[in-house]
């Protein structure tokens, strides 16, 4: 426990900020997991429809400084790569 007055105030601020960040971070993690699960299950249409929602949640968490911009870009890129790979796989299966 902090002894110095400014450290006590900093602790109170950290608790409040953490409580504000937690729901947004949790929503982002849930959206990314759901998108990855849709891609893993091979549900192309559902994944394509859900991707903009996941992007929006990731961008919001980036805007509110919960994650870094590069981290947000990496997450979005990973989801897009997964969707493109699934589309290519479906297209290849349709040709054969």
Foldseek 3Di string as FASTA:
>chain_A
DDDDPVVVVVVVVVVVVCVVLVVLVVVLVVLLVVLVVCLVVLVLVVNVVSLVVSLVSLVVSCVVVVDPPVVSVVSSVVSVVSNVVSVVVVVVVVVD
